[in-house]
Amino acid sequence: MLYGVRRDLQADLARRGYPVRVYIPYGTEWYPYLTRRLAERPANMWFFASNLARSARRTRDVRSGR
C-alpha cells in the first residue's frame, strides 16, 4: 500500500495477521510519479493538498510553541 494512504486499513490488516507492505516512492523520478498518481484520480489531489496543509500547520505550531 502507498505510504500515508488508508493508514487505518493498513493497521487493521496487519492486526488481523495479513502481511502489509508500505510503498514509499523515492529517487529522481518521484515527482513524475506523484503527478501521474494525482492525475489518475482527482480525489488524490484533495487528499494530497489537505495533508500538505495539515503538515504545514503542525510544523508552524511546533515552531511557535503551540
PDB file of N, CA and C in Angstrom:
ATOM      1  N   MET A   1       0.849  -1.170   0.000  1.00  0.00           N
ATOM      2  CA  MET A   1       0.000   0.000   0.000  1.00  0.00           C
ATOM      3  C   MET A   1       0.895   1.234   0.000  1.00  0.00           C
ATOM      4  N   LEU A   2       0.371   2.289  -0.522  1.00  0.00           N
ATOM      5  CA  LEU A   2       1.143   3.520  -0.612  1.00  0.00           C
ATOM      6  C   LEU A   2       1.231   4.197   0.745  1.00  0.00           C
ATOM      7  N   TYR A   3       2.409   4.648   1.101  1.00  0.00           N
ATOM      8  CA  TYR A   3       2.642   5.315   2.381  1.00  0.00           C
ATOM      9  C   TYR A   3       1.658   6.465   2.578  1.00  0.00           C
ATOM     10  N   GLY A   4       1.034   6.495   3.748  1.00  0.00           N
ATOM     11  CA  GLY A   4       0.130   7.578   4.088  1.00  0.00           C
ATOM     12  C   GLY A   4      -1.294   7.407   3.617  1.00  0.00           C
ATOM     13  N   VAL A   5      -1.561   6.390   2.805  1.00  0.00           N
ATOM     14  CA  VAL A   5      -2.904   6.178   2.293  1.00  0.00           C
ATOM     15  C   VAL A   5      -3.575   5.066   3.087  1.00  0.00           C
ATOM     16  N   ARG A   6      -4.702   5.393   3.657  1.00  0.00           N
ATOM     17  CA  ARG A   6      -5.504   4.452   4.440  1.00  0.00           C
ATOM     18  C   ARG A   6      -4.692   3.761   5.526  1.00  0.00           C
ATOM     19  N   ARG A   7      -4.042   4.571   6.347  1.00  0.00           N
ATOM     20  CA  ARG A   7      -3.267   4.017   7.452  1.00  0.00           C
ATOM     21  C   ARG A   7      -4.138   3.164   8.364  1.00  0.00           C
ATOM     22  N   ASP A   8      -5.413   3.558   8.508  1.00  0.00           N
ATOM     23  CA  ASP A   8      -6.328   2.770   9.330  1.00  0.00           C
ATOM     24  C   ASP A   8      -6.485   1.360   8.775  1.00  0.00           C
ATOM     25  N   LEU A   9      -6.612   1.247   7.454  1.00  0.00           N
ATOM     26  CA  LEU A   9      -6.745  -0.060   6.824  1.00  0.00           C
ATOM     27  C   LEU A   9      -5.443  -0.848   6.920  1.00  0.00           C
ATOM     28  N   GLN A  10      -4.309  -0.169   6.742  1.00  0.00           N
ATOM     29  CA  GLN A  10      -3.016  -0.840   6.883  1.00  0.00           C
ATOM     30  C   GLN A  10      -2.890  -1.463   8.271  1.00  0.00           C
ATOM     31  N   ALA A  11      -3.217  -0.677   9.299  1.00  0.00           N
ATOM     32  CA  ALA A  11      -3.108  -1.159  10.678  1.00  0.00           C
ATOM     33  C   ALA A  11      -4.080  -2.299  10.936  1.00  0.00           C
ATOM     34  N   ASP A  12      -5.304  -2.176  10.427  1.00  0.00           N
ATOM     35  CA  ASP A  12      -6.301  -3.229  10.633  1.00  0.00           C
ATOM     36  C   ASP A  12      -5.867  -4.535   9.978  1.00  0.00           C
ATOM     37  N   LEU A  13      -5.389  -4.469   8.765  1.00  0.00           N
ATOM     38  CA  LEU A  13      -4.924  -5.679   8.080  1.00  0.00           C
ATOM     39  C   LEU A  13      -3.758  -6.317   8.817  1.00  0.00           C
ATOM     40  N   ALA A  14      -2.816  -5.511   9.265  1.00  0.00           N
ATOM     41  CA  ALA A  14      -1.660  -6.042  10.000  1.00  0.00           C
ATOM     42  C   ALA A  14      -2.107  -6.679  11.313  1.00  0.00           C
ATOM     43  N   ARG A  15      -3.044  -6.035  11.999  1.00  0.00           N
ATOM     44  CA  ARG A  15      -3.567  -6.581  13.262  1.00  0.00           C
ATOM     45  C   ARG A  15      -4.217  -7.944  13.053  1.00  0.00           C
ATOM     46  N   ARG A  16      -4.845  -8.106  11.886  1.00  0.00           N
ATOM     47  CA  ARG A  16      -5.527  -9.376  11.595  1.00  0.00           C
ATOM     48  C   ARG A  16      -4.580 -10.427  11.024  1.00  0.00           C
ATOM     49  N   GLY A  17      -3.295 -10.093  10.947  1.00  0.00           N
ATOM     50  CA  GLY A  17      -2.308 -11.080  10.538  1.00  0.00           C
ATOM     51  C   GLY A  17      -1.948 -11.080   9.071  1.00  0.00           C
ATOM     52  N   TYR A  18      -2.497 -10.156   8.296  1.00  0.00           N
ATOM     53  CA  TYR A  18      -2.145 -10.081   6.885  1.00  0.00           C
ATOM     54  C   TYR A  18      -0.802  -9.371   6.729  1.00  0.00           C
ATOM     55  N   PRO A  19       0.032  -9.846   5.820  1.00  0.00           N
ATOM     56  CA  PRO A  19       1.278  -9.118   5.578  1.00  0.00           C
ATOM     57  C   PRO A  19       0.963  -7.806   4.845  1.00  0.00           C
ATOM     58  N   VAL A  20       1.492  -6.717   5.355  1.00  0.00           N
ATOM     59  CA  VAL A  20       1.254  -5.404   4.751  1.00  0.00           C
ATOM     60  C   VAL A  20       2.601  -4.798   4.391  1.00  0.00           C
ATOM     61  N   ARG A  21       2.720  -4.392   3.154  1.00  0.00           N
ATOM     62  CA  ARG A  21       3.926  -3.687   2.717  1.00  0.00           C
ATOM     63  C   ARG A  21       3.549  -2.264   2.378  1.00  0.00           C
ATOM     64  N   VAL A  22       4.384  -1.341   2.800  1.00  0.00           N
ATOM     65  CA  VAL A  22       4.126   0.072   2.552  1.00  0.00           C
ATOM     66  C   VAL A  22       5.126   0.556   1.512  1.00  0.00           C
ATOM     67  N   TYR A  23       4.595   1.117   0.450  1.00  0.00           N
ATOM     68  CA  TYR A  23       5.382   1.566  -0.691  1.00  0.00           C
ATOM     69  C   TYR A  23       5.685   3.051  -0.541  1.00  0.00           C
ATOM     70  N   ILE A  24       6.957   3.394  -0.596  1.00  0.00           N
ATOM     71  CA  ILE A  24       7.380   4.790  -0.489  1.00  0.00           C
ATOM     72  C   ILE A  24       8.196   5.139  -1.732  1.00  0.00           C
ATOM     73  N   PRO A  25       7.608   5.931  -2.653  1.00  0.00           N
ATOM     74  CA  PRO A  25       8.377   6.316  -3.837  1.00  0.00           C
ATOM     75  C   PRO A  25       9.515   7.267  -3.457  1.00  0.00           C
ATOM     76  N   TYR A  26      10.656   7.069  -4.088  1.00  0.00           N
ATOM     77  CA  TYR A  26      11.810   7.930  -3.829  1.00  0.00           C
ATOM     78  C   TYR A  26      12.696   7.925  -5.057  1.00  0.00           C
ATOM     79  N   GLY A  27      13.731   8.705  -5.010  1.00  0.00           N
ATOM     80  CA  GLY A  27      14.673   8.755  -6.125  1.00  0.00           C
ATOM     81  C   GLY A  27      14.418   9.959  -7.008  1.00  0.00           C
ATOM     82  N   THR A  28      15.029   9.958  -8.155  1.00  0.00           N
ATOM     83  CA  THR A  28      14.968  11.121  -9.038  1.00  0.00           C
ATOM     84  C   THR A  28      13.634  11.249  -9.767  1.00  0.00           C
ATOM     85  N   GLU A  29      12.857  10.195  -9.838  1.00  0.00           N
ATOM     86  CA  GLU A  29      11.594  10.226 -10.595  1.00  0.00           C
ATOM     87  C   GLU A  29      10.369  10.315  -9.696  1.00  0.00           C
ATOM     88  N   TRP A  30      10.523  10.778  -8.469  1.00  0.00           N
ATOM     89  CA  TRP A  30       9.382  10.823  -7.561  1.00  0.00           C
ATOM     90  C   TRP A  30       8.329  11.832  -8.000  1.00  0.00           C
ATOM     91  N   TYR A  31       8.746  12.966  -8.561  1.00  0.00           N
ATOM     92  CA  TYR A  31       7.779  13.990  -8.940  1.00  0.00           C
ATOM     93  C   TYR A  31       6.891  13.543 -10.109  1.00  0.00           C
ATOM     94  N   PRO A  32       7.460  12.996 -11.182  1.00  0.00           N
ATOM     95  CA  PRO A  32       6.582  12.488 -12.251  1.00  0.00           C
ATOM     96  C   PRO A  32       5.636  11.401 -11.741  1.00  0.00           C
ATOM     97  N   TYR A  33       6.118  10.558 -10.836  1.00  0.00           N
ATOM     98  CA  TYR A  33       5.253   9.528 -10.254  1.00  0.00           C
ATOM     99  C   TYR A  33       4.084  10.183  -9.524  1.00  0.00           C
ATOM    100  N   LEU A  34       4.382  11.188  -8.696  1.00  0.00           N
ATOM    101  CA  LEU A  34       3.342  11.876  -7.941  1.00  0.00           C
ATOM    102  C   LEU A  34       2.307  12.511  -8.874  1.00  0.00           C
ATOM    103  N   THR A  35       2.762  13.188  -9.900  1.00  0.00           N
ATOM    104  CA  THR A  35       1.815  13.852 -10.797  1.00  0.00           C
ATOM    105  C   THR A  35       0.952  12.837 -11.546  1.00  0.00           C
ATOM    106  N   ARG A  36       1.502  11.690 -11.911  1.00  0.00           N
ATOM    107  CA  ARG A  36       0.697  10.643 -12.557  1.00  0.00           C
ATOM    108  C   ARG A  36      -0.384  10.137 -11.615  1.00  0.00           C
ATOM    109  N   ARG A  37      -0.012   9.887 -10.356  1.00  0.00           N
ATOM    110  CA  ARG A  37      -0.996   9.385  -9.380  1.00  0.00           C
ATOM    111  C   ARG A  37      -2.096  10.418  -9.147  1.00  0.00           C
ATOM    112  N   LEU A  38      -1.726  11.690  -9.072  1.00  0.00           N
ATOM    113  CA  LEU A  38      -2.724  12.732  -8.861  1.00  0.00           C
ATOM    114  C   LEU A  38      -3.661  12.848 -10.061  1.00  0.00           C
ATOM    115  N   ALA A  39      -3.113  12.703 -11.271  1.00  0.00           N
ATOM    116  CA  ALA A  39      -3.930  12.819 -12.479  1.00  0.00           C
ATOM    117  C   ALA A  39      -4.873  11.631 -12.649  1.00  0.00           C
ATOM    118  N   GLU A  40      -4.501  10.467 -12.140  1.00  0.00           N
ATOM    119  CA  GLU A  40      -5.331   9.272 -12.280  1.00  0.00           C
ATOM    120  C   GLU A  40      -6.668   9.405 -11.573  1.00  0.00           C
ATOM    121  N   ARG A  41      -6.662  10.109 -10.480  1.00  0.00           N
ATOM    122  CA  ARG A  41      -7.881  10.213  -9.674  1.00  0.00           C
ATOM    123  C   ARG A  41      -7.916  11.599  -9.035  1.00  0.00           C
ATOM    124  N   PRO A  42      -8.834  12.449  -9.464  1.00  0.00           N
ATOM    125  CA  PRO A  42      -8.887  13.825  -8.946  1.00  0.00           C
ATOM    126  C   PRO A  42      -8.988  13.898  -7.420  1.00  0.00           C
ATOM    127  N   ALA A  43      -9.604  12.921  -6.778  1.00  0.00           N
ATOM    128  CA  ALA A  43      -9.703  12.939  -5.312  1.00  0.00           C
ATOM    129  C   ALA A  43      -8.320  12.886  -4.678  1.00  0.00           C
ATOM    130  N   ASN A  44      -7.352  12.339  -5.395  1.00  0.00           N
ATOM    131  CA  ASN A  44      -5.985  12.294  -4.873  1.00  0.00           C
ATOM    132  C   ASN A  44      -5.432  13.698  -4.662  1.00  0.00           C
ATOM    133  N   MET A  45      -5.829  14.625  -5.524  1.00  0.00           N
ATOM    134  CA  MET A  45      -5.333  15.997  -5.393  1.00  0.00           C
ATOM    135  C   MET A  45      -5.830  16.604  -4.087  1.00  0.00           C
ATOM    136  N   TRP A  46      -7.110  16.401  -3.756  1.00  0.00           N
ATOM    137  CA  TRP A  46      -7.652  16.915  -2.498  1.00  0.00           C
ATOM    138  C   TRP A  46      -6.931  16.259  -1.324  1.00  0.00           C
ATOM    139  N   PHE A  47      -6.720  14.946  -1.399  1.00  0.00           N
ATOM    140  CA  PHE A  47      -6.023  14.221  -0.339  1.00  0.00           C
ATOM    141  C   PHE A  47      -4.620  14.792  -0.141  1.00  0.00           C
ATOM    142  N   PHE A  48      -3.900  14.978  -1.227  1.00  0.00           N
ATOM    143  CA  PHE A  48      -2.537  15.496  -1.166  1.00  0.00           C
ATOM    144  C   PHE A  48      -2.517  16.913  -0.590  1.00  0.00           C
ATOM    145  N   ALA A  49      -3.387  17.788  -1.108  1.00  0.00           N
ATOM    146  CA  ALA A  49      -3.413  19.181  -0.667  1.00  0.00           C
ATOM    147  C   ALA A  49      -3.803  19.298   0.806  1.00  0.00           C
ATOM    148  N   SER A  50      -4.790  18.529   1.239  1.00  0.00           N
ATOM    149  CA  SER A  50      -5.224  18.623   2.636  1.00  0.00           C
ATOM    150  C   SER A  50      -4.145  18.113   3.584  1.00  0.00           C
ATOM    151  N   ASN A  51      -3.446  17.056   3.204  1.00  0.00           N
ATOM    152  CA  ASN A  51      -2.371  16.546   4.056  1.00  0.00           C
ATOM    153  C   ASN A  51      -1.169  17.479   4.058  1.00  0.00           C
ATOM    154  N   LEU A  52      -0.896  18.121   2.945  1.00  0.00           N
ATOM    155  CA  LEU A  52       0.188  19.089   2.883  1.00  0.00           C
ATOM    156  C   LEU A  52      -0.119  20.275   3.795  1.00  0.00           C
ATOM    157  N   ALA A  53      -1.359  20.763   3.748  1.00  0.00           N
ATOM    158  CA  ALA A  53      -1.758  21.882   4.608  1.00  0.00           C
ATOM    159  C   ALA A  53      -1.708  21.479   6.082  1.00  0.00           C
ATOM    160  N   ARG A  54      -2.169  20.285   6.400  1.00  0.00           N
ATOM    161  CA  ARG A  54      -2.149  19.808   7.786  1.00  0.00           C
ATOM    162  C   ARG A  54      -0.710  19.720   8.292  1.00  0.00           C
ATOM    163  N   SER A  55       0.174  19.230   7.460  1.00  0.00           N
ATOM    164  CA  SER A  55       1.580  19.117   7.838  1.00  0.00           C
ATOM    165  C   SER A  55       2.198  20.499   8.063  1.00  0.00           C
ATOM    166  N   ALA A  56       1.854  21.444   7.201  1.00  0.00           N
ATOM    167  CA  ALA A  56       2.382  22.806   7.340  1.00  0.00           C
ATOM    168  C   ALA A  56       1.891  23.437   8.643  1.00  0.00           C
ATOM    169  N   ARG A  57       0.617  23.217   8.987  1.00  0.00           N
ATOM    170  CA  ARG A  57       0.083  23.755  10.248  1.00  0.00           C
ATOM    171  C   ARG A  57       0.799  23.150  11.444  1.00  0.00           C
ATOM    172  N   ARG A  58       1.022  21.838  11.403  1.00  0.00           N
ATOM    173  CA  ARG A  58       1.726  21.185  12.517  1.00  0.00           C
ATOM    174  C   ARG A  58       3.127  21.743  12.674  1.00  0.00           C
ATOM    175  N   THR A  59       3.830  21.920  11.562  1.00  0.00           N
ATOM    176  CA  THR A  59       5.190  22.465  11.601  1.00  0.00           C
ATOM    177  C   THR A  59       5.175  23.872  12.170  1.00  0.00           C
ATOM    178  N   ARG A  60       4.236  24.686  11.726  1.00  0.00           N
ATOM    179  CA  ARG A  60       4.123  26.059  12.229  1.00  0.00           C
ATOM    180  C   ARG A  60       3.826  26.049  13.730  1.00  0.00           C
ATOM    181  N   ASP A  61       2.897  25.188  14.161  1.00  0.00           N
ATOM    182  CA  ASP A  61       2.545  25.121  15.583  1.00  0.00           C
ATOM    183  C   ASP A  61       3.713  24.683  16.442  1.00  0.00           C
ATOM    184  N   VAL A  62       4.483  23.728  15.954  1.00  0.00           N
ATOM    185  CA  VAL A  62       5.661  23.261  16.713  1.00  0.00           C
ATOM    186  C   VAL A  62       6.676  24.382  16.827  1.00  0.00           C
ATOM    187  N   ARG A  63       6.906  25.075  15.741  1.00  0.00           N
ATOM    188  CA  ARG A  63       7.897  26.159  15.762  1.00  0.00           C
ATOM    189  C   ARG A  63       7.464  27.323  16.633  1.00  0.00           C
ATOM    190  N   SER A  64       6.155  27.563  16.726  1.00  0.00           N
ATOM    191  CA  SER A  64       5.676  28.684  17.533  1.00  0.00           C
ATOM    192  C   SER A  64       5.411  28.273  18.975  1.00  0.00           C
ATOM    193  N   GLY A  65       5.595  26.987  19.300  1.00  0.00           N
ATOM    194  CA  GLY A  65       5.429  26.500  20.667  1.00  0.00           C
ATOM    195  C   GLY A  65       3.994  26.228  21.072  1.00  0.00           C
ATOM    196  N   ARG A  66       3.105  26.071  20.128  1.00  0.00           N
ATOM    197  CA  ARG A  66       1.696  25.791  20.433  1.00  0.00           C
ATOM    198  C   ARG A  66       1.482  24.341  20.775  1.00  0.00           C
TER     199      ARG A  66
END
